[in-house]
Protein backbone atom coordinates (compact mmCIF):
# COMPACT_ATOMS: atom_id res chain seq x y z
CA UNK A 1 69.46 112.82 92.40
CA UNK A 2 71.27 115.69 90.81
CA UNK A 3 69.25 117.99 88.58
CA UNK A 4 71.09 121.29 88.80
CA UNK A 5 74.62 122.56 89.27
CA UNK A 6 73.61 123.71 92.76
CA UNK A 7 72.51 120.16 93.60
CA UNK A 8 75.90 118.93 92.40
CA UNK A 9 77.78 121.51 94.47
CA UNK A 10 75.71 120.77 97.59
CA UNK A 11 76.32 117.04 97.17
CA UNK A 12 80.03 117.63 96.65
CA UNK A 13 80.32 119.75 99.78
CA UNK A 14 78.27 117.24 101.79
CA UNK A 15 80.48 114.36 100.63
CA UNK A 16 83.62 116.37 101.32
CA UNK A 17 82.38 117.10 104.85
CA UNK A 18 81.80 113.37 105.41
CA UNK A 19 85.28 112.56 104.11
CA UNK A 20 86.82 115.25 106.33
CA UNK A 21 85.02 113.90 109.41
CA UNK A 22 86.10 110.33 108.63
CA UNK A 23 89.69 111.45 108.00
CA UNK A 24 89.73 113.36 111.29
CA UNK A 25 88.55 110.28 113.15
CA UNK A 26 91.07 108.09 111.32
CA UNK A 27 93.87 110.53 112.14
CA UNK A 28 92.95 110.46 115.83
CA UNK A 29 93.00 106.67 115.81
CA UNK A 30 96.31 106.60 113.96
CA UNK A 31 97.83 109.03 116.48
CA UNK A 32 96.69 106.85 119.39
CA UNK A 33 98.07 103.75 117.64
CA UNK A 34 101.46 105.50 117.47
CA UNK A 35 101.25 106.39 121.18
CA UNK A 36 100.43 102.81 122.15
CA UNK A 37 103.21 101.52 119.86
CA UNK A 38 105.66 103.80 121.62
CA UNK A 39 104.48 102.56 125.03
CA UNK A 40 104.86 98.93 123.96
CA UNK A 41 108.33 99.66 122.62
CA UNK A 42 109.22 101.26 125.99
CA UNK A 43 107.98 98.10 127.73
CA UNK A 44 110.35 96.03 125.58
CA UNK A 45 113.25 98.37 126.41
CA UNK A 46 112.33 98.18 130.09
CA UNK A 47 112.19 94.37 130.10
CA UNK A 48 115.46 93.98 128.20
CA UNK A 49 117.32 96.48 130.41
CA UNK A 50 115.90 95.47 133.79
CA UNK A 51 118.42 92.65 134.47
CA UNK A 52 121.37 94.99 133.75
CA UNK A 53 119.92 97.73 135.98
CA UNK A 54 119.27 95.24 138.79
CA UNK A 55 122.81 93.88 138.54
CA UNK A 56 124.20 97.45 138.60
CA UNK A 57 122.24 98.14 141.81
CA UNK A 58 123.65 95.00 143.43
CA UNK A 59 127.31 95.95 142.80
CA UNK A 60 128.71 97.59 145.93
CA UNK A 61 132.21 98.65 144.88
CA UNK A 62 132.44 101.91 142.94
CA UNK A 63 135.13 100.75 140.49
CA UNK A 64 133.17 97.62 139.65
CA UNK A 65 130.00 99.70 139.26
CA UNK A 66 131.71 102.13 136.85
CA UNK A 67 133.18 99.27 134.82
CA UNK A 68 129.81 97.47 134.58
CA UNK A 69 128.06 100.75 133.73
CA UNK A 70 130.53 101.44 130.90
CA UNK A 71 130.14 97.91 129.50
CA UNK A 72 126.33 98.10 129.48
CA UNK A 73 125.89 101.80 128.72
CA UNK A 74 123.43 101.54 125.78
CA UNK A 75 121.30 98.95 127.52
CA UNK A 76 121.14 101.03 130.72
CA UNK A 77 120.35 104.25 128.81
CA UNK A 78 117.39 102.69 127.03
CA UNK A 79 116.23 101.13 130.30
CA UNK A 80 116.31 104.47 132.17
CA UNK A 81 114.59 106.23 129.25
CA UNK A 82 111.84 103.58 129.26
CA UNK A 83 111.56 103.80 133.04
CA UNK A 84 111.02 107.58 132.81
CA UNK A 85 108.44 107.31 130.05
CA UNK A 86 106.54 104.50 131.78
CA UNK A 87 106.67 106.13 135.22
CA UNK A 88 103.03 107.30 135.16
CA UNK A 89 101.68 104.21 133.39
CA UNK A 90 101.87 101.68 136.22
CA UNK A 91 98.54 100.28 137.44
CA UNK A 92 98.58 98.29 140.69
CA UNK A 93 102.33 97.74 140.35
CA UNK A 94 102.08 96.44 136.78
CA UNK A 95 102.16 97.87 133.30
CA UNK A 96 98.86 97.35 131.40
CA UNK A 97 100.63 95.71 128.43
CA UNK A 98 97.76 93.35 127.62
CA UNK A 99 95.28 96.24 127.64
CA UNK A 100 97.55 98.27 125.35
CA UNK A 101 97.87 95.41 122.87
CA UNK A 102 94.11 94.91 122.93
CA UNK A 103 93.52 98.65 122.44
CA UNK A 104 96.01 98.77 119.57
CA UNK A 105 94.34 95.84 117.84
CA UNK A 106 90.90 97.44 118.25
CA UNK A 107 92.15 100.80 116.96
CA UNK A 108 93.80 99.20 113.94
CA UNK A 109 90.56 97.39 113.10
CA UNK A 110 88.56 100.62 113.44
CA UNK A 111 91.14 102.50 111.36
CA UNK A 112 90.89 99.93 108.55
CA UNK A 113 87.09 100.15 108.65
CA UNK A 114 87.27 103.94 108.33
CA UNK A 115 89.66 103.64 105.40
CA UNK A 116 87.20 101.27 103.70
CA UNK A 117 84.45 103.90 104.15
CA UNK A 118 86.64 106.72 102.86
CA UNK A 119 87.84 105.03 99.64
CA UNK A 120 84.48 104.79 97.81
CA UNK A 121 83.43 108.25 99.02
CA UNK A 122 86.69 109.66 97.75
CA UNK A 123 86.29 107.92 94.38
CA UNK A 124 82.71 109.20 94.00
CA UNK A 125 83.77 112.70 94.98
CA UNK A 126 86.55 112.62 92.43
CA UNK A 127 84.08 111.67 89.69
CA UNK A 128 81.66 114.40 90.75
CA UNK A 129 84.45 116.98 90.75
CA UNK A 130 85.33 115.90 87.19
CA UNK A 131 81.69 116.42 86.18
CA UNK A 132 81.65 119.76 88.00
CA UNK A 133 84.79 120.85 86.14
CA UNK A 134 83.31 119.80 82.79
CA UNK A 135 80.14 121.79 83.52
CA UNK A 136 82.26 124.77 84.50
CA UNK A 137 84.19 124.55 81.22
CA UNK A 138 80.97 124.37 79.18
CA UNK A 139 79.47 127.34 81.06
CA UNK A 140 82.65 129.33 80.59
CA UNK A 141 82.71 128.55 76.86
CA UNK A 142 79.02 129.51 76.52
CA UNK A 143 79.66 132.82 78.30
CA UNK A 144 82.61 133.48 76.01
CA UNK A 145 80.53 132.74 72.91
CA UNK A 146 77.69 134.94 74.20
CA UNK A 147 80.16 137.78 74.73
CA UNK A 148 81.47 137.37 71.16
CA UNK A 149 77.89 137.33 69.82
CA UNK A 150 76.99 140.50 71.78
CA UNK A 151 80.13 142.20 70.50
CA UNK A 152 79.25 141.31 66.88
CA UNK A 153 75.68 142.62 67.38
CA UNK A 154 77.03 145.88 68.72
CA UNK A 155 79.41 146.21 65.80
CA UNK A 156 76.56 145.60 63.32
CA UNK A 157 74.31 148.18 65.02
CA UNK A 158 77.01 150.88 64.84
């Protein structure tokens, strides 16, 4: 219930604080989703490059190794990059891919729920700001008219 301009301003600031908190939470979830996406992409690179890396390790002769390495350079580069990035992620000799997918799905669901909370709040806040602006314009116009009236009174008195 809004009865005064102060009530309106307090409500606006309260709603804006709620929106900011929800956005902060959503941003944190979105950042973690990106991290998990990157990890899952590294897993794909690792899986696709593992056979080439294993074959390279099994080649004994240097010339054959160099030739194979040159032929599979991109594949090996992405494999070694993925291996480096996943180095600290292994749990009991395995990558927790299933857990990452589950976490990503959960985070995406939570993110969507936060977005659904933010939308109506944002729409209401926008309407209240429009009302606030209209009130401000009316007050400003009244002050201007009062100043003109005072000036005319002063001119009449002199």
